[in-house]
Amino acid sequence: MPTSRSYHSYLIESLKDPQEAAAYLDAVLEECNYDELLLALRNVAEARLAMLDSSSTILNQEAIQNILSQSTNLNLPVLIQALNELGFKLSVIPVGDAA
């Protein structure tokens, strides 16, 4: 039996770590590619869904499922809402800031 896992499985597992997920989303946002951003949001949402247990609220699960199914109309308010539902926030830093 093969011992390797698919890249997608590895990615989803690594995105369960909030720091990894934040770095992943940050890197994708810097690329300014709409399709890649949608995919990244779906990947983080999939990781978050995998972490939810039966004590999680139905509303949170539904919000995350909505992100997974979102394929159009990703504008700034929707992006901010999606990030909030996933436990992240959008921030702005000066270009070239080492911090």
Protein backbone atom coordinates (compact mmCIF):
# COMPACT_ATOMS: atom_id res chain seq x y z
CA MET A 1 0.00 0.00 0.00
CA PRO A 2 1.41 3.44 -0.91
CA THR A 3 2.53 5.57 2.00
CA SER A 4 2.30 8.90 0.20
CA ARG A 5 -0.71 11.19 0.43
CA SER A 6 -2.05 13.53 -2.14
CA TYR A 7 -0.94 17.14 -2.10
CA HIS A 8 -4.51 18.22 -1.48
CA SER A 9 -4.76 16.03 1.63
CA TYR A 10 -1.46 17.43 2.88
CA LEU A 11 -2.59 21.01 2.16
CA ILE A 12 -5.91 20.60 3.97
CA GLU A 13 -4.18 19.05 6.97
CA SER A 14 -1.64 21.89 7.13
CA LEU A 15 -4.38 24.54 6.78
CA LYS A 16 -5.93 23.34 10.04
CA ASP A 17 -3.16 25.37 11.72
CA PRO A 18 -4.40 28.99 11.84
CA GLN A 19 -0.89 30.38 11.32
CA GLU A 20 -0.37 28.22 8.22
CA ALA A 21 -3.80 29.15 6.87
CA ALA A 22 -3.14 32.85 7.44
CA ALA A 23 0.23 32.68 5.66
CA TYR A 24 -1.36 30.74 2.78
CA LEU A 25 -4.18 33.27 2.35
CA ASP A 26 -1.74 36.16 2.63
CA ALA A 27 0.47 34.72 -0.11
CA VAL A 28 -2.51 34.15 -2.40
CA LEU A 29 -3.84 37.66 -1.79
CA GLU A 30 -0.49 39.11 -2.84
CA GLU A 31 -0.81 37.37 -6.22
CA CYS A 32 -4.09 39.23 -6.95
CA ASN A 33 -5.53 36.28 -8.89
CA TYR A 34 -9.30 35.93 -8.48
CA ASP A 35 -9.48 32.21 -9.28
CA GLU A 36 -6.58 31.38 -6.96
CA LEU A 37 -8.18 33.40 -4.18
CA LEU A 38 -11.46 31.50 -4.54
CA LEU A 39 -9.59 28.20 -4.46
CA ALA A 40 -7.58 29.27 -1.40
CA LEU A 41 -10.75 30.30 0.44
CA ARG A 42 -12.32 26.95 -0.42
CA ASN A 43 -9.24 25.09 0.78
CA VAL A 44 -9.19 26.95 4.10
CA ALA A 45 -12.96 26.44 4.46
CA GLU A 46 -12.54 22.71 3.81
CA ALA A 47 -9.86 22.54 6.51
CA ARG A 48 -12.09 24.43 8.93
CA LEU A 49 -15.03 22.12 8.20
CA ALA A 50 -12.82 19.11 8.88
CA MET A 51 -12.04 20.60 12.30
CA LEU A 52 -15.66 21.24 13.30
CA ASP A 53 -17.20 18.77 15.69
CA SER A 54 -20.75 18.13 16.73
CA SER A 55 -20.60 20.96 19.29
CA SER A 56 -20.04 23.53 16.51
CA THR A 57 -22.99 25.67 15.60
CA ILE A 58 -25.01 24.89 12.51
CA LEU A 59 -24.78 28.55 11.48
CA ASN A 60 -20.98 28.42 11.37
CA GLN A 61 -21.09 25.21 9.33
CA GLU A 62 -23.61 26.75 6.92
CA ALA A 63 -21.52 29.91 6.54
CA ILE A 64 -18.43 27.85 5.75
CA GLN A 65 -20.39 25.69 3.29
CA ASN A 66 -21.52 28.91 1.60
CA ILE A 67 -17.88 29.91 1.16
CA LEU A 68 -17.13 26.52 -0.35
CA SER A 69 -19.94 26.91 -2.88
CA GLN A 70 -19.23 30.58 -3.69
CA SER A 71 -18.04 30.85 -7.26
CA THR A 72 -18.93 34.40 -8.23
CA ASN A 73 -19.58 37.80 -6.69
CA LEU A 74 -16.42 37.85 -4.60
CA ASN A 75 -16.13 41.54 -3.81
CA LEU A 76 -14.46 43.23 -0.85
CA PRO A 77 -17.42 42.94 1.57
CA VAL A 78 -17.90 39.26 0.67
CA LEU A 79 -14.16 38.62 1.05
CA ILE A 80 -14.13 40.29 4.47
CA GLN A 81 -17.17 38.28 5.57
CA ALA A 82 -15.64 35.04 4.29
CA LEU A 83 -12.39 35.71 6.13
CA ASN A 84 -14.31 36.55 9.32
CA GLU A 85 -16.31 33.32 9.11
CA LEU A 86 -13.04 31.43 8.74
CA GLY A 87 -11.53 33.17 11.75
CA PHE A 88 -9.32 35.70 9.97
CA LYS A 89 -9.34 39.40 9.23
CA LEU A 90 -8.03 41.50 6.38
CA SER A 91 -5.36 44.03 7.26
CA VAL A 92 -3.19 46.53 5.43
CA ILE A 93 0.52 47.07 5.98
CA PRO A 94 2.97 49.41 4.27
CA VAL A 95 4.83 47.94 1.31
CA GLY A 96 8.34 46.99 2.30
CA ASP A 97 7.51 46.87 6.00
CA ALA A 98 9.75 44.32 7.63
CA ALA A 99 7.36 43.74 10.53
